[in-house]
Amino acid sequence: MDIERFLQEASQLARSCYYLRSDGKGTVKGVFGGKGYTKHPERRDHISNSMHWITVSCDLLEVTSLPLQGMMGVYEMKKYPWAKPFYVVHDADLTLSSGKIQGTPLYAQKTSSYPPFEAVCLYGSDSIARWMRSHDLERWEYDGLLDTEIANEYLDFYMQKFPLYMDNPPVAVVGGWPMRWENDDGYYAPPELRFLVLVLEGAEPWVEVFAIKRWDFPIPDFIIRDHIT
């Protein structure tokens, strides 16, 4: 295994994603900040006491293979300390324009998302597995390779590609690969866990939204993680 072969493995695992920026063109696909959906028929009071992080058009979630309609908003409760701090408001029958979401309009740019080193070790081809076994490691023992030259060279490549490290990062990313944060014990990204949104503007904290599809219900369970570095 050399870095060229490892990069080929990473390229084969690359996923489509969208960057959301305020300086784009075309149809508005997201709204950042502001007051959000202040006229929500059921959660108006809840939203009025919360911080609106972002609302995105659910048609962007096609890159995650999650069939949701309408729009999805991410809020942080500020008034009630006993309440769950972050929550998702999904409205299947509304669009960003019909909901009149208050905030900064965002425009989508489709691009590619490369996996972190750990994901290549977990989900790469048999060549990756054989390379790891040559170091007496199983796929989930990727931390044993973090000091290798290949890992260091790939990290340099990855940091050039991942939007968090860009000089001009997007406001948010929809889809793609989640990163491994410093406080994560390991890397967990099974197929049933869909990575939906990473909000970069307004951090810290960095806010991530995941979803797990329930077989008996059309709306998934949303999982929100926030990170302080």
Protein backbone atom coordinates (compact mmCIF):
# COMPACT_ATOMS: atom_id res chain seq x y z
CA MET A 1 0.00 0.00 0.00
CA ASP A 2 1.25 3.48 -0.88
CA ILE A 3 -0.41 6.89 -0.79
CA GLU A 4 -1.46 6.74 -4.44
CA ARG A 5 -3.31 3.48 -3.89
CA PHE A 6 -4.83 4.81 -0.68
CA LEU A 7 -6.07 7.92 -2.51
CA GLN A 8 -7.69 5.69 -5.13
CA GLU A 9 -9.52 3.87 -2.34
CA ALA A 10 -10.69 7.17 -0.90
CA SER A 11 -11.87 8.39 -4.30
CA GLN A 12 -13.97 5.24 -4.75
CA LEU A 13 -15.67 6.00 -1.43
CA ALA A 14 -16.27 9.70 -2.16
CA ARG A 15 -19.87 10.85 -1.74
CA SER A 16 -21.81 13.69 -3.31
CA CYS A 17 -22.68 16.63 -1.10
CA TYR A 18 -23.81 20.24 -1.31
CA TYR A 19 -22.03 23.34 -0.06
CA LEU A 20 -24.44 26.06 1.00
CA ARG A 21 -23.17 29.61 0.56
CA SER A 22 -24.72 33.04 0.85
CA ASP A 23 -22.94 34.38 -2.26
CA GLY A 24 -24.32 31.88 -4.78
CA LYS A 25 -26.92 32.13 -7.51
CA GLY A 26 -30.11 30.38 -8.50
CA THR A 27 -32.84 28.97 -6.30
CA VAL A 28 -32.58 29.47 -2.56
CA LYS A 29 -31.94 26.06 -0.96
CA GLY A 30 -31.32 27.05 2.65
CA VAL A 31 -31.67 29.83 5.20
CA PHE A 32 -29.11 30.56 7.90
CA GLY A 33 -29.61 32.40 11.17
CA GLY A 34 -32.33 34.95 11.64
CA LYS A 35 -35.56 33.97 13.38
CA GLY A 36 -36.42 30.93 11.29
CA TYR A 37 -40.01 29.77 10.85
CA THR A 38 -41.71 32.17 13.26
CA LYS A 39 -45.24 31.38 12.06
CA HIS A 40 -45.13 27.63 12.61
CA PRO A 41 -48.71 26.53 13.39
CA GLU A 42 -47.71 24.05 16.12
CA ARG A 43 -44.29 25.08 17.42
CA ARG A 44 -44.42 28.87 17.21
CA ASP A 45 -43.83 29.43 20.94
CA HIS A 46 -41.06 26.85 21.03
CA ILE A 47 -39.29 28.47 18.09
CA SER A 48 -39.71 32.00 19.47
CA ASN A 49 -37.61 30.95 22.48
CA SER A 50 -34.92 29.29 20.37
CA MET A 51 -31.97 30.19 18.18
CA HIS A 52 -32.44 29.28 14.53
CA TRP A 53 -29.30 27.66 13.13
CA ILE A 54 -30.36 26.63 9.65
CA THR A 55 -33.25 25.43 7.52
CA VAL A 56 -32.62 23.47 4.32
CA SER A 57 -34.75 22.32 1.44
CA CYS A 58 -35.20 18.57 1.75
CA ASP A 59 -34.65 17.97 -1.95
CA LEU A 60 -30.93 18.39 -1.20
CA LEU A 61 -31.09 15.27 0.95
CA GLU A 62 -31.17 13.17 -2.21
CA VAL A 63 -27.40 12.87 -1.79
CA THR A 64 -28.06 11.02 1.49
CA SER A 65 -30.70 8.68 -0.03
CA LEU A 66 -33.14 9.89 2.61
CA PRO A 67 -36.55 10.46 0.97
CA LEU A 68 -37.86 13.51 2.83
CA GLN A 69 -40.08 16.23 1.39
CA GLY A 70 -40.46 19.87 2.33
CA MET A 71 -37.97 21.61 4.60
CA MET A 72 -35.96 20.78 7.71
CA GLY A 73 -34.94 23.35 10.33
CA VAL A 74 -32.38 23.07 13.14
CA TYR A 75 -32.95 25.09 16.32
CA GLU A 76 -31.29 25.50 19.70
CA MET A 77 -33.51 26.08 22.73
CA LYS A 78 -32.32 29.09 24.72
CA LYS A 79 -35.05 29.82 27.28
CA TYR A 80 -35.63 26.54 29.09
CA PRO A 81 -32.46 24.90 30.50
CA TRP A 82 -34.36 21.66 31.19
CA ALA A 83 -35.32 21.25 27.52
CA LYS A 84 -33.32 19.30 24.97
CA PRO A 85 -30.92 21.96 23.61
CA PHE A 86 -31.04 21.11 19.89
CA TYR A 87 -34.04 19.93 17.92
CA VAL A 88 -35.21 19.50 14.32
CA VAL A 89 -38.46 20.86 12.88
CA HIS A 90 -39.47 19.00 9.72
CA ASP A 91 -42.40 20.25 7.62
CA ALA A 92 -43.17 17.98 4.69
CA ASP A 93 -45.81 20.24 3.12
CA LEU A 94 -43.86 23.50 3.09
CA THR A 95 -41.04 25.02 1.05
CA LEU A 96 -38.58 27.71 2.02
CA SER A 97 -40.61 30.28 0.12
CA SER A 98 -44.06 29.24 1.35
CA GLY A 99 -42.79 29.02 4.94
CA LYS A 100 -41.24 32.49 4.66
CA ILE A 101 -38.20 31.49 6.68
CA GLN A 102 -36.43 34.51 8.14
CA GLY A 103 -32.65 34.59 7.79
CA THR A 104 -29.83 34.74 5.24
CA PRO A 105 -30.65 32.91 1.98
CA LEU A 106 -28.24 30.17 0.93
CA TYR A 107 -27.45 28.69 -2.48
CA ALA A 108 -26.29 25.16 -3.19
CA GLN A 109 -23.17 23.98 -4.99
CA LYS A 110 -22.84 20.23 -5.62
CA THR A 111 -19.41 18.74 -5.03
CA SER A 112 -17.65 15.66 -3.62
CA SER A 113 -16.90 14.69 -0.04
CA TYR A 114 -13.88 12.52 0.75
CA PRO A 115 -13.91 10.09 3.67
CA PRO A 116 -11.65 10.55 6.68
CA PHE A 117 -8.78 8.11 7.15
CA GLU A 118 -10.81 5.98 9.55
CA ALA A 119 -13.63 5.52 7.03
CA VAL A 120 -11.22 4.31 4.35
CA CYS A 121 -9.91 1.72 6.78
CA LEU A 122 -13.43 0.58 7.68
CA TYR A 123 -15.09 0.62 4.27
CA GLY A 124 -12.28 0.37 1.72
CA SER A 125 -11.69 -2.67 -0.48
CA ASP A 126 -9.99 -5.92 0.43
CA SER A 127 -6.68 -4.25 -0.40
CA ILE A 128 -7.14 -2.02 2.64
CA ALA A 129 -7.99 -5.03 4.81
CA ARG A 130 -4.86 -6.88 3.63
CA TRP A 131 -2.69 -3.83 4.30
CA MET A 132 -4.08 -3.56 7.82
CA ARG A 133 -3.58 -7.27 8.46
CA SER A 134 0.04 -6.87 7.40
CA HIS A 135 0.30 -4.62 10.47
CA ASP A 136 -1.56 -7.24 12.57
CA LEU A 137 -4.60 -4.98 12.70
CA GLU A 138 -8.28 -5.49 11.97
CA ARG A 139 -10.35 -2.88 10.15
CA TRP A 140 -11.62 -1.25 13.35
CA GLU A 141 -8.07 -0.89 14.71
CA TYR A 142 -7.28 2.11 12.49
CA ASP A 143 -5.76 4.10 15.37
CA GLY A 144 -2.78 1.78 15.17
CA LEU A 145 -1.93 3.28 11.77
CA LEU A 146 -2.28 6.98 12.58
CA ASP A 147 1.49 7.43 12.90
CA THR A 148 2.26 5.89 9.50
CA GLU A 149 3.45 7.91 6.53
CA ILE A 150 0.34 7.00 4.55
CA ALA A 151 -1.95 8.29 7.32
CA ASN A 152 -0.02 11.56 7.60
CA GLU A 153 -0.01 12.14 3.84
CA TYR A 154 -3.69 11.35 3.57
CA LEU A 155 -4.49 13.71 6.45
CA ASP A 156 -2.76 16.51 4.53
CA PHE A 157 -4.92 15.70 1.50
CA TYR A 158 -8.08 15.40 3.58
CA MET A 159 -7.59 18.76 5.30
CA GLN A 160 -7.35 20.43 1.90
CA LYS A 161 -10.69 18.90 0.92
CA PHE A 162 -12.78 19.09 4.08
CA PRO A 163 -14.67 22.41 4.25
CA LEU A 164 -13.96 23.03 7.93
CA TYR A 165 -10.31 23.69 7.03
CA MET A 166 -10.92 25.84 3.95
CA ASP A 167 -9.92 29.52 3.84
CA ASN A 168 -13.45 30.35 2.64
CA PRO A 169 -15.65 27.60 4.05
CA PRO A 170 -19.32 27.31 3.14
CA VAL A 171 -22.01 28.22 5.67
CA ALA A 172 -23.04 24.56 5.84
CA VAL A 173 -22.62 21.19 4.16
CA VAL A 174 -25.48 18.85 3.26
CA GLY A 175 -24.55 15.17 2.93
CA GLY A 176 -21.13 13.66 2.40
CA TRP A 177 -18.91 12.08 5.04
CA PRO A 178 -18.83 13.16 8.69
CA MET A 179 -15.44 13.81 10.21
CA ARG A 180 -13.96 12.32 13.35
CA TRP A 181 -13.76 14.94 16.09
CA GLU A 182 -11.03 15.16 18.69
CA ASN A 183 -13.35 14.04 21.49
CA ASP A 184 -14.65 11.00 19.57
CA ASP A 185 -13.42 7.67 20.91
CA GLY A 186 -13.79 6.13 17.46
CA TYR A 187 -15.39 6.61 14.08
CA TYR A 188 -19.00 5.50 13.65
CA ALA A 189 -20.73 5.88 10.28
CA PRO A 190 -22.73 2.74 9.46
CA PRO A 191 -24.97 2.80 6.35
CA GLU A 192 -28.15 3.17 8.39
CA LEU A 193 -26.86 6.40 9.97
CA ARG A 194 -27.36 9.19 7.42
CA PHE A 195 -25.21 12.31 7.74
CA LEU A 196 -27.50 15.21 6.83
CA VAL A 197 -26.03 18.60 7.74
CA LEU A 198 -22.91 20.18 9.21
CA VAL A 199 -23.22 23.88 10.12
CA LEU A 200 -19.92 25.76 9.94
CA GLU A 201 -21.04 29.39 10.13
CA GLY A 202 -21.60 30.75 13.63
CA ALA A 203 -19.48 28.09 15.28
CA GLU A 204 -18.48 27.21 17.87
CA PRO A 205 -20.19 24.88 18.57
CA TRP A 206 -20.09 22.99 15.32
CA VAL A 207 -23.51 21.44 14.79
CA GLU A 208 -24.09 18.11 13.00
CA VAL A 209 -27.42 16.49 12.14
CA PHE A 210 -27.81 12.76 11.51
CA ALA A 211 -30.87 10.60 10.87
CA ILE A 212 -31.71 6.94 11.40
CA LYS A 213 -34.61 5.60 9.33
CA ARG A 214 -37.24 3.69 11.27
CA TRP A 215 -38.75 0.81 9.34
CA ASP A 216 -42.28 1.42 10.67
CA PHE A 217 -42.45 5.22 10.41
CA PRO A 218 -41.93 7.58 7.45
CA ILE A 219 -40.04 10.23 9.47
CA PRO A 220 -36.57 9.25 10.74
CA ASP A 221 -35.15 9.83 14.18
CA PHE A 222 -32.94 12.90 14.10
CA ILE A 223 -29.69 12.97 16.08
CA ILE A 224 -27.91 16.28 16.69
CA ARG A 225 -24.33 16.56 17.93
CA ASP A 226 -22.50 19.75 18.84
CA HIS A 227 -18.75 20.04 19.22
CA ILE A 228 -16.42 22.49 20.95
CA THR A 229 -12.77 22.31 19.85
